[in-house]
N, C-alpha and C. Protein backbone atom coordinates (compact mmCIF):
# COMPACT_ATOMS: atom_id res chain seq x y z
N PHE A 1 117.26 150.06 132.93
CA PHE A 1 118.12 149.01 132.35
C PHE A 1 117.30 147.79 132.27
N TYR A 2 117.41 146.99 131.27
CA TYR A 2 116.77 145.77 131.02
C TYR A 2 117.75 144.53 131.52
N THR A 3 117.14 143.61 132.15
CA THR A 3 117.85 142.51 132.56
C THR A 3 117.07 141.10 132.30
N ASP A 4 117.64 140.13 132.22
CA ASP A 4 117.04 138.77 132.08
C ASP A 4 115.94 138.36 133.09
N ASP A 5 116.33 138.69 134.32
CA ASP A 5 115.51 138.24 135.44
C ASP A 5 115.45 139.50 136.60
N VAL A 6 114.46 140.21 136.55
CA VAL A 6 114.43 141.44 137.43
C VAL A 6 114.27 141.00 138.83
N ASP A 7 113.63 139.88 139.07
CA ASP A 7 113.41 139.30 140.47
C ASP A 7 114.77 138.95 140.95
N GLU A 8 115.47 138.18 140.26
CA GLU A 8 116.81 137.62 140.66
C GLU A 8 117.68 138.92 140.92
N LEU A 9 117.79 139.86 140.09
CA LEU A 9 118.59 141.05 140.21
C LEU A 9 118.25 141.77 141.53
N PHE A 10 116.93 142.03 141.79
CA PHE A 10 116.45 142.71 143.03
C PHE A 10 116.89 141.94 144.20
N ALA A 11 116.76 140.65 144.26
CA ALA A 11 117.23 139.84 145.43
C ALA A 11 118.74 140.13 145.50
N TYR A 12 119.54 140.04 144.45
CA TYR A 12 121.05 140.15 144.64
C TYR A 12 121.30 141.50 145.16
N MET A 13 120.63 142.57 144.65
CA MET A 13 121.04 143.93 145.05
C MET A 13 120.54 144.16 146.50
N GLN A 14 119.52 143.48 146.82
CA GLN A 14 118.87 143.67 148.27
C GLN A 14 119.85 143.04 149.28
N ASN A 15 120.54 141.94 148.95
CA ASN A 15 121.42 141.17 149.88
C ASN A 15 122.79 141.38 149.74
N ASP A 16 123.29 142.32 148.70
CA ASP A 16 124.63 142.59 148.58
C ASP A 16 124.96 143.89 149.43
N GLU A 17 125.93 143.83 150.43
CA GLU A 17 126.18 144.89 151.17
C GLU A 17 126.70 146.14 150.37
N THR A 18 127.59 145.87 149.53
CA THR A 18 128.16 147.02 148.71
C THR A 18 127.13 147.77 147.90
N ILE A 19 126.26 147.04 147.33
CA ILE A 19 125.24 147.63 146.47
C ILE A 19 124.19 148.35 147.29
N SER A 20 123.78 147.60 148.33
CA SER A 20 122.66 148.26 149.16
C SER A 20 123.32 149.61 149.88
N GLY A 21 124.58 149.49 150.13
CA GLY A 21 125.23 150.84 150.67
C GLY A 21 125.38 152.00 149.66
N LEU A 22 125.26 151.71 148.41
CA LEU A 22 125.44 152.74 147.37
C LEU A 22 124.03 153.39 146.98
N GLY A 23 123.07 152.83 147.26
CA GLY A 23 121.63 153.34 146.81
C GLY A 23 120.62 152.80 147.65
N LYS A 24 119.35 153.37 147.26
CA LYS A 24 118.22 152.77 148.01
C LYS A 24 117.22 152.27 147.12
N LEU A 25 116.82 151.07 147.40
CA LEU A 25 115.79 150.34 146.63
C LEU A 25 114.45 150.95 147.05
N GLU A 26 113.79 151.49 146.02
CA GLU A 26 112.52 152.23 146.19
C GLU A 26 111.30 151.44 146.23
N SER A 27 111.38 150.23 145.44
CA SER A 27 110.15 149.45 145.30
C SER A 27 110.61 147.96 145.04
N LYS A 28 109.80 147.09 145.43
CA LYS A 28 109.97 145.64 145.02
C LYS A 28 109.44 145.46 143.66
N PRO A 29 109.92 144.46 142.99
CA PRO A 29 109.51 144.11 141.56
C PRO A 29 108.01 144.04 141.52
N GLN A 30 107.38 144.58 140.50
CA GLN A 30 106.07 144.74 140.35
C GLN A 30 105.65 144.67 138.74
N ASP A 31 104.60 144.17 138.50
CA ASP A 31 104.11 144.01 137.11
C ASP A 31 103.44 145.42 136.65
N ALA A 32 103.81 145.84 135.40
CA ALA A 32 103.19 147.01 134.94
C ALA A 32 102.25 146.71 133.76
N THR A 33 101.24 147.62 133.61
CA THR A 33 100.40 147.45 132.65
C THR A 33 100.92 147.48 131.18
N TRP A 34 102.16 148.01 131.03
CA TRP A 34 102.82 148.11 129.59
C TRP A 34 103.66 146.91 129.39
N GLY A 35 103.56 145.91 130.16
CA GLY A 35 104.15 144.65 129.75
C GLY A 35 105.43 144.41 130.29
N GLU A 36 105.84 144.99 131.40
CA GLU A 36 107.21 144.85 131.96
C GLU A 36 107.08 144.44 133.56
N ARG A 37 108.15 143.84 134.08
CA ARG A 37 108.07 143.74 135.43
C ARG A 37 109.34 144.47 135.78
N PHE A 38 109.26 145.45 136.78
CA PHE A 38 110.25 146.39 137.11
C PHE A 38 110.34 146.64 138.68
N PHE A 39 111.46 147.35 138.94
CA PHE A 39 111.67 148.03 140.28
C PHE A 39 112.54 149.24 140.05
N HIS A 40 112.50 150.17 141.01
CA HIS A 40 113.25 151.44 140.96
C HIS A 40 114.24 151.35 142.14
N MET A 41 115.38 152.06 141.93
CA MET A 41 116.43 152.28 142.88
C MET A 41 117.03 153.68 142.73
N LEU A 42 117.22 154.41 143.87
CA LEU A 42 117.90 155.69 143.70
C LEU A 42 119.42 155.38 143.97
N ASP A 43 120.22 156.10 143.03
CA ASP A 43 121.65 156.17 143.21
C ASP A 43 122.18 157.10 144.22
N PRO A 44 123.43 157.14 144.59
CA PRO A 44 123.92 158.01 145.61
C PRO A 44 123.66 159.54 145.42
N ASP A 45 123.52 159.89 144.11
CA ASP A 45 123.15 161.27 143.77
C ASP A 45 121.65 161.63 143.69
N GLY A 46 120.86 160.61 143.97
CA GLY A 46 119.45 160.71 144.00
C GLY A 46 118.79 160.59 142.72
N TYR A 47 119.52 160.02 141.71
CA TYR A 47 118.88 159.67 140.43
C TYR A 47 118.20 158.34 140.58
N LYS A 48 116.95 158.34 139.91
CA LYS A 48 116.22 157.22 139.92
C LYS A 48 116.53 156.26 138.76
N MET A 49 116.87 155.07 139.09
CA MET A 49 117.17 153.96 138.00
C MET A 49 116.09 152.94 137.99
N SER A 50 115.74 152.54 136.79
CA SER A 50 114.64 151.52 136.67
C SER A 50 115.24 150.33 136.00
N PHE A 51 114.91 149.04 136.60
CA PHE A 51 115.38 147.86 136.08
C PHE A 51 114.01 147.14 135.68
N ALA A 52 114.13 146.42 134.46
CA ALA A 52 112.89 145.77 134.02
C ALA A 52 113.25 144.55 133.19
N THR A 53 112.19 143.68 133.12
CA THR A 53 112.25 142.47 132.32
C THR A 53 110.85 142.51 131.58
N PRO A 54 110.84 142.28 130.23
CA PRO A 54 109.58 142.18 129.58
C PRO A 54 108.84 140.91 130.10
N ILE A 55 107.52 141.20 130.37
CA ILE A 55 106.72 140.00 130.77
C ILE A 55 106.42 139.05 129.65
N GLY A 56 106.38 137.81 129.83
CA GLY A 56 106.06 136.90 128.84
C GLY A 56 107.20 136.42 127.89
N ASN A 57 108.38 137.00 128.11
CA ASN A 57 109.48 136.58 127.13
C ASN A 57 110.43 135.68 128.02
N GLU A 58 110.10 134.36 128.16
CA GLU A 58 110.85 133.60 128.87
C GLU A 58 111.60 132.53 128.11
């Protein structure tokens, strides 16, 4: 999923009790060589979700 600010979304998800109870954050936001900043989360069924923001598009 793409978002305007992946760091802000990560902080929100990490601090929201409802969201943190529904899944597991697998990684903190990190820069990828393909030009995105992203993090992963596992949903309650074990599916991996990826959240990203293109780097340099501010």
